[in-house]
Amino acid sequence: MSVSLSEIAWMIALSLYVYLVVIASKYPYKWLLSRGFNEHRAAYVSRKIIHIFGAGVATLFVPYVFSTPVLPFIAGLALAAYLYYHHRSQRLLDWFQFRENMYEVNFAVAWAVSMLVIWLVTKNLFISIIPGLLIAFGDGVTGLARNLLIKRRSKHWIGNLFMLIVSVPIGYLLAGLTGVVAAAVASYVERYEYKNLDDNFLIAIVSSIILIVGFIMQY
């Protein structure tokens, strides 16, 4: 699997874009603090902003500027390593990282691995980005809805409803009925966490399995 100079340039550009979104998310964090949000709620909103406007927007470019997911996979794992370093060194990026969990690291790993695994089976980047879009846009909107309506991090059903509304059109546009099923089931399993197996991993694992099985059944 070879890569072109154009793809390398796009990887650098999109990585820089995501980094700038991460830095820029300090500003809504500070604004929310000034509006009476506690640090945890403000950081949680900031994290979801990064999900949507950082990872989500960057993911949309993948099928158009890359021929394989190799470079996005490398970039995703590099981001995971960078975020993990901040946890291990106790130098948290405190406007979106929490000392008690490393879910943003899990996000980057789930995003990268799911994309590569699906592509190895389907050779279709539009199908391959679906789990990444579900954890970026779907789970992102879910977190914002719960935080703003329930006013705390919770697993209230209202968040799953918002995720379903956002995720089903994504699944349908990129993979038809199989994508709808993957999006619907992912919207349900988002409610669950099992220690280090958080919702990012669950969404990516479940939706990837459904998409791969659906693809195989068509051929």
N, C-alpha and C. Protein backbone atom coordinates (compact mmCIF):
# COMPACT_ATOMS: atom_id res chain seq x y z
N MET A 1 0.84 -1.19 0.00
CA MET A 1 0.00 0.00 0.00
C MET A 1 0.88 1.24 0.00
N SER A 2 0.97 1.87 -1.15
CA SER A 2 1.80 3.07 -1.27
C SER A 2 0.98 4.31 -0.98
N VAL A 3 1.67 5.39 -0.63
CA VAL A 3 1.01 6.66 -0.37
C VAL A 3 1.68 7.73 -1.22
N SER A 4 0.93 8.73 -1.58
CA SER A 4 1.45 9.80 -2.43
C SER A 4 1.85 11.00 -1.58
N LEU A 5 2.61 11.90 -2.18
CA LEU A 5 2.97 13.14 -1.50
C LEU A 5 1.73 13.96 -1.16
N SER A 6 0.74 13.90 -2.04
CA SER A 6 -0.51 14.61 -1.78
C SER A 6 -1.18 14.09 -0.51
N GLU A 7 -1.19 12.77 -0.34
CA GLU A 7 -1.81 12.18 0.86
C GLU A 7 -1.04 12.56 2.12
N ILE A 8 0.28 12.59 2.03
CA ILE A 8 1.09 13.00 3.18
C ILE A 8 0.78 14.45 3.54
N ALA A 9 0.64 15.30 2.52
CA ALA A 9 0.32 16.71 2.76
C ALA A 9 -1.06 16.84 3.42
N TRP A 10 -2.01 16.05 2.95
CA TRP A 10 -3.34 16.08 3.55
C TRP A 10 -3.32 15.58 4.99
N MET A 11 -2.53 14.54 5.26
CA MET A 11 -2.43 14.05 6.64
C MET A 11 -1.89 15.14 7.56
N ILE A 12 -0.86 15.84 7.11
CA ILE A 12 -0.28 16.92 7.91
C ILE A 12 -1.29 18.04 8.11
N ALA A 13 -1.99 18.41 7.02
CA ALA A 13 -2.95 19.50 7.09
C ALA A 13 -4.11 19.17 8.02
N LEU A 14 -4.65 17.96 7.91
CA LEU A 14 -5.78 17.58 8.75
C LEU A 14 -5.36 17.39 10.21
N SER A 15 -4.15 16.88 10.43
CA SER A 15 -3.64 16.74 11.79
C SER A 15 -3.47 18.12 12.43
N LEU A 16 -2.97 19.06 11.65
CA LEU A 16 -2.82 20.43 12.15
C LEU A 16 -4.18 21.04 12.44
N TYR A 17 -5.14 20.79 11.57
CA TYR A 17 -6.49 21.29 11.78
C TYR A 17 -7.07 20.77 13.11
N VAL A 18 -6.94 19.46 13.34
CA VAL A 18 -7.46 18.88 14.58
C VAL A 18 -6.75 19.49 15.79
N TYR A 19 -5.44 19.67 15.68
CA TYR A 19 -4.69 20.29 16.78
C TYR A 19 -5.19 21.70 17.06
N LEU A 20 -5.46 22.46 16.01
CA LEU A 20 -5.96 23.83 16.20
C LEU A 20 -7.34 23.84 16.84
N VAL A 21 -8.18 22.86 16.49
CA VAL A 21 -9.49 22.75 17.13
C VAL A 21 -9.32 22.45 18.62
N VAL A 22 -8.38 21.56 18.94
CA VAL A 22 -8.10 21.24 20.35
C VAL A 22 -7.69 22.49 21.12
N ILE A 23 -6.80 23.29 20.55
CA ILE A 23 -6.36 24.52 21.21
C ILE A 23 -7.50 25.52 21.30
N ALA A 24 -8.27 25.67 20.22
CA ALA A 24 -9.36 26.63 20.19
C ALA A 24 -10.47 26.28 21.18
N SER A 25 -10.58 24.99 21.54
CA SER A 25 -11.64 24.58 22.46
C SER A 25 -11.42 25.11 23.87
N LYS A 26 -10.26 25.70 24.12
CA LYS A 26 -10.05 26.38 25.40
C LYS A 26 -11.04 27.53 25.59
N TYR A 27 -11.40 28.18 24.48
CA TYR A 27 -12.20 29.39 24.58
C TYR A 27 -13.65 29.12 25.00
N PRO A 28 -14.33 28.13 24.40
CA PRO A 28 -15.65 27.81 24.94
C PRO A 28 -15.57 27.28 26.38
N TYR A 29 -14.49 26.58 26.71
CA TYR A 29 -14.30 26.10 28.10
C TYR A 29 -14.26 27.28 29.06
N LYS A 30 -13.47 28.29 28.75
CA LYS A 30 -13.37 29.47 29.62
C LYS A 30 -14.68 30.24 29.65
N TRP A 31 -15.35 30.31 28.50
CA TRP A 31 -16.63 31.03 28.45
C TRP A 31 -17.67 30.32 29.33
N LEU A 32 -17.72 28.99 29.26
CA LEU A 32 -18.68 28.24 30.08
C LEU A 32 -18.38 28.41 31.56
N LEU A 33 -17.10 28.46 31.93
CA LEU A 33 -16.76 28.71 33.33
C LEU A 33 -17.29 30.07 33.76
N SER A 34 -17.19 31.06 32.88
CA SER A 34 -17.66 32.41 33.21
C SER A 34 -19.18 32.47 33.32
N ARG A 35 -19.85 31.46 32.71
CA ARG A 35 -21.32 31.41 32.77
C ARG A 35 -21.83 30.54 33.91
N GLY A 36 -20.93 30.09 34.78
CA GLY A 36 -21.34 29.35 35.95
C GLY A 36 -21.22 27.85 35.87
N PHE A 37 -20.72 27.32 34.75
CA PHE A 37 -20.49 25.88 34.65
C PHE A 37 -19.32 25.51 35.57
N ASN A 38 -19.40 24.33 36.20
CA ASN A 38 -18.23 23.89 36.95
C ASN A 38 -17.19 23.35 35.97
N GLU A 39 -15.98 23.12 36.46
CA GLU A 39 -14.87 22.74 35.58
C GLU A 39 -15.16 21.43 34.84
N HIS A 40 -15.79 20.49 35.51
CA HIS A 40 -16.04 19.19 34.89
C HIS A 40 -17.03 19.32 33.74
N ARG A 41 -18.12 20.04 33.95
CA ARG A 41 -19.11 20.22 32.88
C ARG A 41 -18.52 20.97 31.71
N ALA A 42 -17.77 22.03 31.99
CA ALA A 42 -17.17 22.84 30.93
C ALA A 42 -16.18 22.00 30.12
N ALA A 43 -15.38 21.19 30.79
CA ALA A 43 -14.41 20.34 30.09
C ALA A 43 -15.11 19.27 29.26
N TYR A 44 -16.21 18.77 29.76
CA TYR A 44 -16.95 17.74 29.02
C TYR A 44 -17.52 18.32 27.73
N VAL A 45 -18.06 19.53 27.79
CA VAL A 45 -18.56 20.19 26.59
C VAL A 45 -17.41 20.44 25.62
N SER A 46 -16.28 20.90 26.14
CA SER A 46 -15.11 21.15 25.31
C SER A 46 -14.67 19.88 24.59
N ARG A 47 -14.70 18.76 25.29
CA ARG A 47 -14.31 17.48 24.68
C ARG A 47 -15.24 17.13 23.53
N LYS A 48 -16.53 17.36 23.71
CA LYS A 48 -17.48 17.03 22.65
C LYS A 48 -17.35 17.98 21.46
N ILE A 49 -16.97 19.21 21.71
CA ILE A 49 -16.70 20.14 20.61
C ILE A 49 -15.54 19.61 19.76
N ILE A 50 -14.53 19.06 20.42
CA ILE A 50 -13.39 18.47 19.70
C ILE A 50 -13.86 17.25 18.90
N HIS A 51 -14.73 16.44 19.49
CA HIS A 51 -15.30 15.29 18.78
C HIS A 51 -15.89 15.73 17.45
N ILE A 52 -16.77 16.73 17.52
CA ILE A 52 -17.56 17.13 16.36
C ILE A 52 -16.75 17.92 15.35
N PHE A 53 -16.15 19.03 15.81
CA PHE A 53 -15.51 19.96 14.89
C PHE A 53 -14.07 19.56 14.55
N GLY A 54 -13.46 18.73 15.40
CA GLY A 54 -12.11 18.25 15.11
C GLY A 54 -12.18 16.93 14.36
N ALA A 55 -12.43 15.85 15.09
CA ALA A 55 -12.42 14.52 14.49
C ALA A 55 -13.50 14.35 13.43
N GLY A 56 -14.71 14.84 13.73
CA GLY A 56 -15.81 14.64 12.79
C GLY A 56 -15.57 15.27 11.44
N VAL A 57 -15.20 16.54 11.45
CA VAL A 57 -14.95 17.24 10.18
C VAL A 57 -13.77 16.62 9.44
N ALA A 58 -12.69 16.31 10.16
CA ALA A 58 -11.52 15.69 9.50
C ALA A 58 -11.88 14.35 8.88
N THR A 59 -12.72 13.58 9.55
CA THR A 59 -13.10 12.26 9.03
C THR A 59 -13.82 12.37 7.70
N LEU A 60 -14.62 13.40 7.53
CA LEU A 60 -15.37 13.57 6.29
C LEU A 60 -14.46 13.69 5.07
N PHE A 61 -13.23 14.15 5.27
CA PHE A 61 -12.29 14.31 4.17
C PHE A 61 -11.65 13.00 3.73
N VAL A 62 -11.62 12.02 4.64
CA VAL A 62 -10.82 10.82 4.41
C VAL A 62 -11.09 10.13 3.08
N PRO A 63 -12.34 9.82 2.71
CA PRO A 63 -12.56 9.08 1.46
C PRO A 63 -12.20 9.88 0.21
N TYR A 64 -12.10 11.19 0.35
CA TYR A 64 -11.86 12.04 -0.81
C TYR A 64 -10.38 12.35 -1.05
N VAL A 65 -9.58 12.29 0.00
CA VAL A 65 -8.17 12.69 -0.16
C VAL A 65 -7.18 11.57 0.10
N PHE A 66 -7.66 10.40 0.55
CA PHE A 66 -6.78 9.26 0.79
C PHE A 66 -7.24 8.07 -0.04
N SER A 67 -6.30 7.28 -0.50
CA SER A 67 -6.63 6.06 -1.25
C SER A 67 -6.75 4.85 -0.34
N THR A 68 -6.11 4.90 0.82
CA THR A 68 -6.20 3.85 1.84
C THR A 68 -6.23 4.56 3.21
N PRO A 69 -6.60 3.83 4.27
CA PRO A 69 -6.63 4.45 5.59
C PRO A 69 -5.29 4.38 6.34
N VAL A 70 -4.21 4.06 5.63
CA VAL A 70 -2.93 3.87 6.32
C VAL A 70 -2.49 5.14 7.03
N LEU A 71 -2.48 6.26 6.33
CA LEU A 71 -2.03 7.51 6.95
C LEU A 71 -3.01 8.00 8.03
N PRO A 72 -4.33 7.95 7.81
CA PRO A 72 -5.23 8.30 8.91
C PRO A 72 -5.03 7.40 10.13
N PHE A 73 -4.78 6.11 9.89
CA PHE A 73 -4.52 5.18 11.00
C PHE A 73 -3.30 5.61 11.79
N ILE A 74 -2.22 5.95 11.10
CA ILE A 74 -1.01 6.40 11.77
C ILE A 74 -1.27 7.70 12.54
N ALA A 75 -1.99 8.62 11.92
CA ALA A 75 -2.29 9.90 12.57
C ALA A 75 -3.15 9.69 13.81
N GLY A 76 -4.12 8.78 13.73
CA GLY A 76 -4.98 8.50 14.87
C GLY A 76 -4.21 7.92 16.05
N LEU A 77 -3.32 6.97 15.77
CA LEU A 77 -2.51 6.38 16.84
C LEU A 77 -1.51 7.39 17.40
N ALA A 78 -1.00 8.28 16.54
CA ALA A 78 -0.09 9.33 17.02
C ALA A 78 -0.83 10.26 17.97
N LEU A 79 -2.06 10.61 17.63
CA LEU A 79 -2.86 11.45 18.52
C LEU A 79 -3.13 10.74 19.85
N ALA A 80 -3.45 9.44 19.77
CA ALA A 80 -3.68 8.67 21.00
C ALA A 80 -2.44 8.67 21.88
N ALA A 81 -1.26 8.50 21.27
CA ALA A 81 0.00 8.50 22.03
C ALA A 81 0.25 9.86 22.68
N TYR A 82 -0.04 10.93 21.94
CA TYR A 82 0.14 12.29 22.44
C TYR A 82 -0.77 12.53 23.65
N LEU A 83 -2.02 12.12 23.56
CA LEU A 83 -2.96 12.31 24.66
C LEU A 83 -2.59 11.44 25.86
N TYR A 84 -2.14 10.22 25.57
CA TYR A 84 -1.72 9.31 26.65
C TYR A 84 -0.51 9.88 27.38
N TYR A 85 0.41 10.47 26.64
CA TYR A 85 1.59 11.10 27.25
C TYR A 85 1.18 12.15 28.28
N HIS A 86 0.18 12.95 27.95
CA HIS A 86 -0.26 14.00 28.88
C HIS A 86 -0.85 13.41 30.16
N HIS A 87 -1.49 12.24 30.04
CA HIS A 87 -1.98 11.56 31.24
C HIS A 87 -0.81 11.03 32.07
N ARG A 88 0.09 10.32 31.42
CA ARG A 88 1.19 9.68 32.14
C ARG A 88 2.14 10.69 32.78
N SER A 89 2.31 11.83 32.15
CA SER A 89 3.22 12.86 32.68
C SER A 89 2.54 13.80 33.66
N GLN A 90 1.23 13.55 33.90
CA GLN A 90 0.46 14.41 34.81
C GLN A 90 0.42 15.86 34.34
N ARG A 91 0.50 16.05 33.03
CA ARG A 91 0.41 17.39 32.44
C ARG A 91 -0.86 17.45 31.60
N LEU A 92 -1.99 17.32 32.27
CA LEU A 92 -3.27 17.24 31.58
C LEU A 92 -3.61 18.52 30.83
N LEU A 93 -4.21 18.34 29.67
CA LEU A 93 -4.81 19.46 28.95
C LEU A 93 -6.20 19.63 29.58
N ASP A 94 -6.23 20.37 30.68
CA ASP A 94 -7.36 20.29 31.60
C ASP A 94 -8.65 20.91 31.09
N TRP A 95 -8.63 21.52 29.90
CA TRP A 95 -9.89 22.04 29.36
C TRP A 95 -10.69 20.95 28.65
N PHE A 96 -10.10 19.72 28.53
CA PHE A 96 -10.92 18.61 28.01
C PHE A 96 -10.48 17.25 28.53
N GLN A 97 -9.35 17.13 29.21
CA GLN A 97 -8.92 15.85 29.76
C GLN A 97 -9.31 15.74 31.24
N PHE A 98 -9.63 14.51 31.66
CA PHE A 98 -10.00 14.25 33.04
C PHE A 98 -9.00 13.27 33.66
N ARG A 99 -8.65 13.52 34.90
CA ARG A 99 -7.69 12.66 35.58
C ARG A 99 -8.25 11.25 35.77
N GLU A 100 -9.56 11.13 35.93
CA GLU A 100 -10.16 9.85 36.28
C GLU A 100 -10.36 8.90 35.09
N ASN A 101 -10.22 9.39 33.86
CA ASN A 101 -10.36 8.48 32.72
C ASN A 101 -9.54 8.97 31.54
N MET A 102 -9.33 8.06 30.59
CA MET A 102 -8.59 8.39 29.37
C MET A 102 -9.46 8.09 28.15
N TYR A 103 -10.71 8.46 28.23
CA TYR A 103 -11.65 8.13 27.16
C TYR A 103 -11.30 8.81 25.84
N GLU A 104 -10.65 9.98 25.90
CA GLU A 104 -10.26 10.63 24.65
C GLU A 104 -9.15 9.85 23.95
N VAL A 105 -8.32 9.13 24.73
CA VAL A 105 -7.33 8.23 24.14
C VAL A 105 -8.04 7.07 23.46
N ASN A 106 -9.02 6.50 24.15
CA ASN A 106 -9.81 5.41 23.57
C ASN A 106 -10.47 5.84 22.27
N PHE A 107 -10.96 7.08 22.25
CA PHE A 107 -11.60 7.61 21.04
C PHE A 107 -10.65 7.53 19.86
N ALA A 108 -9.44 8.03 20.03
CA ALA A 108 -8.47 8.06 18.93
C ALA A 108 -8.12 6.65 18.47
N VAL A 109 -7.96 5.72 19.40
CA VAL A 109 -7.63 4.34 19.05
C VAL A 109 -8.80 3.69 18.32
N ALA A 110 -10.02 3.86 18.85
CA ALA A 110 -11.21 3.27 18.22
C ALA A 110 -11.42 3.83 16.82
N TRP A 111 -11.20 5.12 16.66
CA TRP A 111 -11.35 5.79 15.36
C TRP A 111 -10.39 5.18 14.35
N ALA A 112 -9.13 5.06 14.73
CA ALA A 112 -8.09 4.58 13.81
C ALA A 112 -8.26 3.10 13.48
N VAL A 113 -8.43 2.27 14.49
CA VAL A 113 -8.47 0.82 14.29
C VAL A 113 -9.71 0.39 13.51
N SER A 114 -10.87 0.95 13.87
CA SER A 114 -12.10 0.56 13.17
C SER A 114 -12.01 0.89 11.68
N MET A 115 -11.45 2.04 11.36
CA MET A 115 -11.32 2.43 9.96
C MET A 115 -10.44 1.45 9.18
N LEU A 116 -9.32 1.08 9.76
CA LEU A 116 -8.40 0.17 9.09
C LEU A 116 -9.01 -1.22 8.93
N VAL A 117 -9.61 -1.73 9.99
CA VAL A 117 -10.16 -3.10 9.96
C VAL A 117 -11.26 -3.21 8.92
N ILE A 118 -12.18 -2.25 8.90
CA ILE A 118 -13.28 -2.31 7.92
C ILE A 118 -12.74 -2.21 6.50
N TRP A 119 -11.77 -1.35 6.29
CA TRP A 119 -11.21 -1.20 4.95
C TRP A 119 -10.51 -2.47 4.47
N LEU A 120 -9.83 -3.17 5.38
CA LEU A 120 -9.16 -4.41 4.99
C LEU A 120 -10.15 -5.44 4.46
N VAL A 121 -11.39 -5.37 4.92
CA VAL A 121 -12.42 -6.30 4.45
C VAL A 121 -13.15 -5.76 3.22
N THR A 122 -13.54 -4.48 3.28
CA THR A 122 -14.42 -3.92 2.24
C THR A 122 -13.68 -3.18 1.13
N LYS A 123 -12.49 -2.67 1.42
CA LYS A 123 -11.75 -1.80 0.49
C LYS A 123 -12.58 -0.57 0.10
N ASN A 124 -13.49 -0.18 0.99
CA ASN A 124 -14.37 0.96 0.74
C ASN A 124 -14.22 1.97 1.88
N LEU A 125 -13.62 3.12 1.56
CA LEU A 125 -13.37 4.10 2.62
C LEU A 125 -14.64 4.78 3.11
N PHE A 126 -15.67 4.84 2.27
CA PHE A 126 -16.93 5.45 2.73
C PHE A 126 -17.57 4.60 3.82
N ILE A 127 -17.52 3.29 3.67
CA ILE A 127 -18.02 2.41 4.74
C ILE A 127 -17.08 2.46 5.94
N SER A 128 -15.79 2.52 5.68
CA SER A 128 -14.79 2.44 6.74
C SER A 128 -14.86 3.60 7.73
N ILE A 129 -15.31 4.77 7.29
CA ILE A 129 -15.34 5.92 8.20
C ILE A 129 -16.59 5.98 9.06
N ILE A 130 -17.55 5.09 8.84
CA ILE A 130 -18.82 5.19 9.57
C ILE A 130 -18.63 5.11 11.09
N PRO A 131 -17.92 4.10 11.64
CA PRO A 131 -17.74 4.10 13.10
C PRO A 131 -17.10 5.39 13.63
N GLY A 132 -16.10 5.90 12.89
CA GLY A 132 -15.47 7.15 13.30
C GLY A 132 -16.44 8.31 13.33
N LEU A 133 -17.35 8.36 12.35
CA LEU A 133 -18.36 9.42 12.33
C LEU A 133 -19.37 9.24 13.45
N LEU A 134 -19.68 7.99 13.77
CA LEU A 134 -20.65 7.74 14.85
C LEU A 134 -20.10 8.20 16.20
N ILE A 135 -18.81 7.96 16.46
CA ILE A 135 -18.26 8.39 17.75
C ILE A 135 -17.91 9.87 17.73
N ALA A 136 -17.74 10.45 16.55
CA ALA A 136 -17.44 11.88 16.47
C ALA A 136 -18.72 12.70 16.53
N PHE A 137 -19.59 12.53 15.54
CA PHE A 137 -20.83 13.31 15.48
C PHE A 137 -21.91 12.76 16.41
N GLY A 138 -22.15 11.44 16.31
CA GLY A 138 -23.22 10.84 17.12
C GLY A 138 -22.99 10.97 18.61
N ASP A 139 -21.85 10.44 19.07
CA ASP A 139 -21.55 10.51 20.50
C ASP A 139 -21.28 11.95 20.94
N GLY A 140 -20.76 12.77 20.02
CA GLY A 140 -20.53 14.17 20.35
C GLY A 140 -21.82 14.89 20.67
N VAL A 141 -22.82 14.74 19.80
CA VAL A 141 -24.12 15.37 20.02
C VAL A 141 -24.80 14.79 21.27
N THR A 142 -24.61 13.48 21.47
CA THR A 142 -25.18 12.83 22.66
C THR A 142 -24.68 13.50 23.94
N GLY A 143 -23.36 13.68 24.01
CA GLY A 143 -22.78 14.30 25.21
C GLY A 143 -23.23 15.72 25.42
N LEU A 144 -23.31 16.50 24.33
CA LEU A 144 -23.76 17.88 24.46
C LEU A 144 -25.21 17.94 24.93
N ALA A 145 -26.05 17.08 24.37
CA ALA A 145 -27.47 17.08 24.75
C ALA A 145 -27.64 16.77 26.23
N ARG A 146 -26.96 15.74 26.70
CA ARG A 146 -27.09 15.37 28.11
C ARG A 146 -26.53 16.46 29.02
N ASN A 147 -25.39 17.02 28.64
CA ASN A 147 -24.76 18.02 29.49
C ASN A 147 -25.60 19.27 29.59
N LEU A 148 -26.20 19.68 28.49
CA LEU A 148 -26.97 20.93 28.49
C LEU A 148 -28.39 20.74 29.00
N LEU A 149 -28.96 19.54 28.81
CA LEU A 149 -30.33 19.30 29.26
C LEU A 149 -30.38 18.69 30.66
N ILE A 150 -29.50 17.72 30.91
CA ILE A 150 -29.48 17.05 32.23
C ILE A 150 -28.52 17.79 33.17
N LYS A 151 -27.60 18.58 32.59
CA LYS A 151 -26.67 19.44 33.32
C LYS A 151 -25.60 18.65 34.09
N ARG A 152 -25.27 17.46 33.57
CA ARG A 152 -24.18 16.68 34.15
C ARG A 152 -23.87 15.53 33.19
N ARG A 153 -22.70 14.90 33.40
CA ARG A 153 -22.40 13.72 32.59
C ARG A 153 -23.26 12.57 33.09
N SER A 154 -24.05 12.03 32.20
CA SER A 154 -24.94 10.93 32.59
C SER A 154 -25.15 10.04 31.37
N LYS A 155 -25.91 8.97 31.58
CA LYS A 155 -26.27 8.09 30.48
C LYS A 155 -27.78 8.14 30.25
N HIS A 156 -28.35 9.31 30.39
CA HIS A 156 -29.79 9.51 30.22
C HIS A 156 -30.19 9.18 28.78
N TRP A 157 -31.39 8.61 28.61
CA TRP A 157 -31.85 8.17 27.30
C TRP A 157 -31.98 9.30 26.29
N ILE A 158 -32.15 10.53 26.76
CA ILE A 158 -32.31 11.65 25.83
C ILE A 158 -31.09 11.78 24.92
N GLY A 159 -29.92 11.46 25.48
CA GLY A 159 -28.71 11.51 24.67
C GLY A 159 -28.73 10.48 23.56
N ASN A 160 -29.23 9.28 23.86
CA ASN A 160 -29.30 8.23 22.85
C ASN A 160 -30.28 8.60 21.74
N LEU A 161 -31.34 9.31 22.09
CA LEU A 161 -32.29 9.76 21.07
C LEU A 161 -31.62 10.75 20.12
N PHE A 162 -30.86 11.69 20.67
CA PHE A 162 -30.15 12.65 19.83
C PHE A 162 -29.12 11.94 18.95
N MET A 163 -28.45 10.94 19.52
CA MET A 163 -27.46 10.20 18.74
C MET A 163 -28.14 9.47 17.59
N LEU A 164 -29.28 8.88 17.85
CA LEU A 164 -30.01 8.16 16.81
C LEU A 164 -30.40 9.10 15.68
N ILE A 165 -30.88 10.28 16.01
CA ILE A 165 -31.30 11.26 15.01
C ILE A 165 -30.14 11.67 14.12
N VAL A 166 -28.96 11.83 14.71
CA VAL A 166 -27.79 12.24 13.95
C VAL A 166 -27.16 11.07 13.19
N SER A 167 -27.13 9.90 13.82
CA SER A 167 -26.36 8.77 13.28
C SER A 167 -27.05 8.02 12.14
N VAL A 168 -28.36 7.86 12.22
CA VAL A 168 -29.07 7.08 11.19
C VAL A 168 -28.89 7.67 9.79
N PRO A 169 -29.03 9.00 9.60
CA PRO A 169 -28.77 9.54 8.26
C PRO A 169 -27.34 9.29 7.77
N ILE A 170 -26.37 9.36 8.68
CA ILE A 170 -24.98 9.08 8.31
C ILE A 170 -24.86 7.64 7.81
N GLY A 171 -25.41 6.70 8.58
CA GLY A 171 -25.35 5.30 8.19
C GLY A 171 -26.05 5.04 6.86
N TYR A 172 -27.21 5.66 6.67
CA TYR A 172 -27.97 5.44 5.44
C TYR A 172 -27.24 5.98 4.22
N LEU A 173 -26.70 7.19 4.34
CA LEU A 173 -26.02 7.81 3.20
C LEU A 173 -24.76 7.05 2.77
N LEU A 174 -24.07 6.45 3.72
CA LEU A 174 -22.80 5.81 3.40
C LEU A 174 -22.89 4.30 3.20
N ALA A 175 -23.92 3.67 3.77
CA ALA A 175 -23.99 2.19 3.66
C ALA A 175 -25.40 1.65 3.58
N GLY A 176 -26.37 2.49 3.27
CA GLY A 176 -27.73 1.99 3.10
C GLY A 176 -28.32 1.38 4.36
N LEU A 177 -29.08 0.30 4.18
CA LEU A 177 -29.78 -0.33 5.30
C LEU A 177 -28.81 -0.86 6.34
N THR A 178 -27.69 -1.44 5.90
CA THR A 178 -26.69 -1.93 6.85
C THR A 178 -26.17 -0.79 7.72
N GLY A 179 -25.97 0.37 7.11
CA GLY A 179 -25.51 1.53 7.86
C GLY A 179 -26.54 2.00 8.86
N VAL A 180 -27.81 1.93 8.49
CA VAL A 180 -28.88 2.30 9.42
C VAL A 180 -28.89 1.38 10.63
N VAL A 181 -28.77 0.08 10.38
CA VAL A 181 -28.75 -0.89 11.50
C VAL A 181 -27.54 -0.63 12.40
N ALA A 182 -26.37 -0.42 11.78
CA ALA A 182 -25.16 -0.15 12.57
C ALA A 182 -25.34 1.11 13.41
N ALA A 183 -25.92 2.15 12.83
CA ALA A 183 -26.11 3.41 13.55
C ALA A 183 -27.11 3.25 14.69
N ALA A 184 -28.19 2.52 14.43
CA ALA A 184 -29.22 2.34 15.46
C ALA A 184 -28.69 1.53 16.64
N VAL A 185 -28.00 0.43 16.35
CA VAL A 185 -27.46 -0.40 17.44
C VAL A 185 -26.38 0.37 18.20
N ALA A 186 -25.54 1.11 17.49
CA ALA A 186 -24.51 1.92 18.15
C ALA A 186 -25.13 2.96 19.06
N SER A 187 -26.25 3.54 18.63
CA SER A 187 -26.93 4.55 19.45
C SER A 187 -27.47 3.95 20.74
N TYR A 188 -27.80 2.67 20.70
CA TYR A 188 -28.27 1.98 21.90
C TYR A 188 -27.12 1.61 22.83
N VAL A 189 -26.06 1.01 22.29
CA VAL A 189 -24.97 0.53 23.15
C VAL A 189 -24.15 1.67 23.74
N GLU A 190 -24.31 2.89 23.22
CA GLU A 190 -23.59 4.04 23.78
C GLU A 190 -23.87 4.21 25.26
N ARG A 191 -24.99 3.72 25.73
CA ARG A 191 -25.38 3.90 27.14
C ARG A 191 -24.51 3.09 28.10
N TYR A 192 -23.74 2.15 27.58
CA TYR A 192 -23.06 1.21 28.45
C TYR A 192 -21.54 1.42 28.47
N GLU A 193 -20.95 1.16 29.62
CA GLU A 193 -19.50 1.20 29.80
C GLU A 193 -19.11 0.06 30.73
N TYR A 194 -18.00 -0.61 30.43
CA TYR A 194 -17.51 -1.70 31.27
C TYR A 194 -16.04 -1.43 31.59
N LYS A 195 -15.82 -0.70 32.67
CA LYS A 195 -14.47 -0.33 33.10
C LYS A 195 -13.75 0.38 31.96
N ASN A 196 -12.68 -0.22 31.40
CA ASN A 196 -11.93 0.44 30.34
C ASN A 196 -12.57 0.30 28.96
N LEU A 197 -13.61 -0.54 28.87
CA LEU A 197 -14.34 -0.68 27.61
C LEU A 197 -15.44 0.37 27.59
N ASP A 198 -15.07 1.58 27.21
CA ASP A 198 -16.02 2.68 27.27
C ASP A 198 -16.88 2.72 26.01
N ASP A 199 -17.75 3.75 25.94
CA ASP A 199 -18.68 3.81 24.82
C ASP A 199 -17.99 4.02 23.48
N ASN A 200 -16.82 4.66 23.47
CA ASN A 200 -16.10 4.82 22.20
C ASN A 200 -15.75 3.45 21.61
N PHE A 201 -15.20 2.58 22.44
CA PHE A 201 -14.87 1.23 21.97
C PHE A 201 -16.12 0.44 21.59
N LEU A 202 -17.16 0.53 22.44
CA LEU A 202 -18.38 -0.24 22.17
C LEU A 202 -19.03 0.18 20.85
N ILE A 203 -19.13 1.47 20.63
CA ILE A 203 -19.72 1.97 19.39
C ILE A 203 -18.91 1.48 18.20
N ALA A 204 -17.59 1.62 18.27
CA ALA A 204 -16.73 1.23 17.16
C ALA A 204 -16.79 -0.27 16.91
N ILE A 205 -16.73 -1.08 17.98
CA ILE A 205 -16.74 -2.53 17.83
C ILE A 205 -18.05 -3.02 17.24
N VAL A 206 -19.16 -2.60 17.84
CA VAL A 206 -20.48 -3.08 17.40
C VAL A 206 -20.79 -2.64 15.98
N SER A 207 -20.57 -1.37 15.68
CA SER A 207 -20.88 -0.88 14.33
C SER A 207 -19.96 -1.51 13.29
N SER A 208 -18.70 -1.74 13.64
CA SER A 208 -17.76 -2.38 12.70
C SER A 208 -18.20 -3.80 12.37
N ILE A 209 -18.60 -4.54 13.39
CA ILE A 209 -19.05 -5.92 13.16
C ILE A 209 -20.26 -5.94 12.24
N ILE A 210 -21.22 -5.08 12.50
CA ILE A 210 -22.45 -5.04 11.68
C ILE A 210 -22.11 -4.65 10.24
N LEU A 211 -21.26 -3.66 10.06
CA LEU A 211 -20.91 -3.22 8.72
C LEU A 211 -20.15 -4.29 7.94
N ILE A 212 -19.25 -4.99 8.62
CA ILE A 212 -18.48 -6.05 7.96
C ILE A 212 -19.38 -7.22 7.59
N VAL A 213 -20.22 -7.64 8.54
CA VAL A 213 -21.15 -8.76 8.26
C VAL A 213 -22.10 -8.37 7.13
N GLY A 214 -22.62 -7.15 7.18
CA GLY A 214 -23.54 -6.71 6.12
C GLY A 214 -22.86 -6.68 4.77
N PHE A 215 -21.61 -6.25 4.73
CA PHE A 215 -20.87 -6.23 3.46
C PHE A 215 -20.65 -7.64 2.93
N ILE A 216 -20.23 -8.55 3.81
CA ILE A 216 -19.96 -9.94 3.39
C ILE A 216 -21.23 -10.60 2.87
N MET A 217 -22.36 -10.34 3.52
CA MET A 217 -23.63 -10.96 3.11
C MET A 217 -24.09 -10.50 1.73
N GLN A 218 -23.61 -9.35 1.29
CA GLN A 218 -23.98 -8.83 -0.03
C GLN A 218 -23.19 -9.48 -1.15
N TYR A 219 -22.12 -10.21 -0.80
CA TYR A 219 -21.24 -10.79 -1.82
C TYR A 219 -21.06 -12.28 -1.63
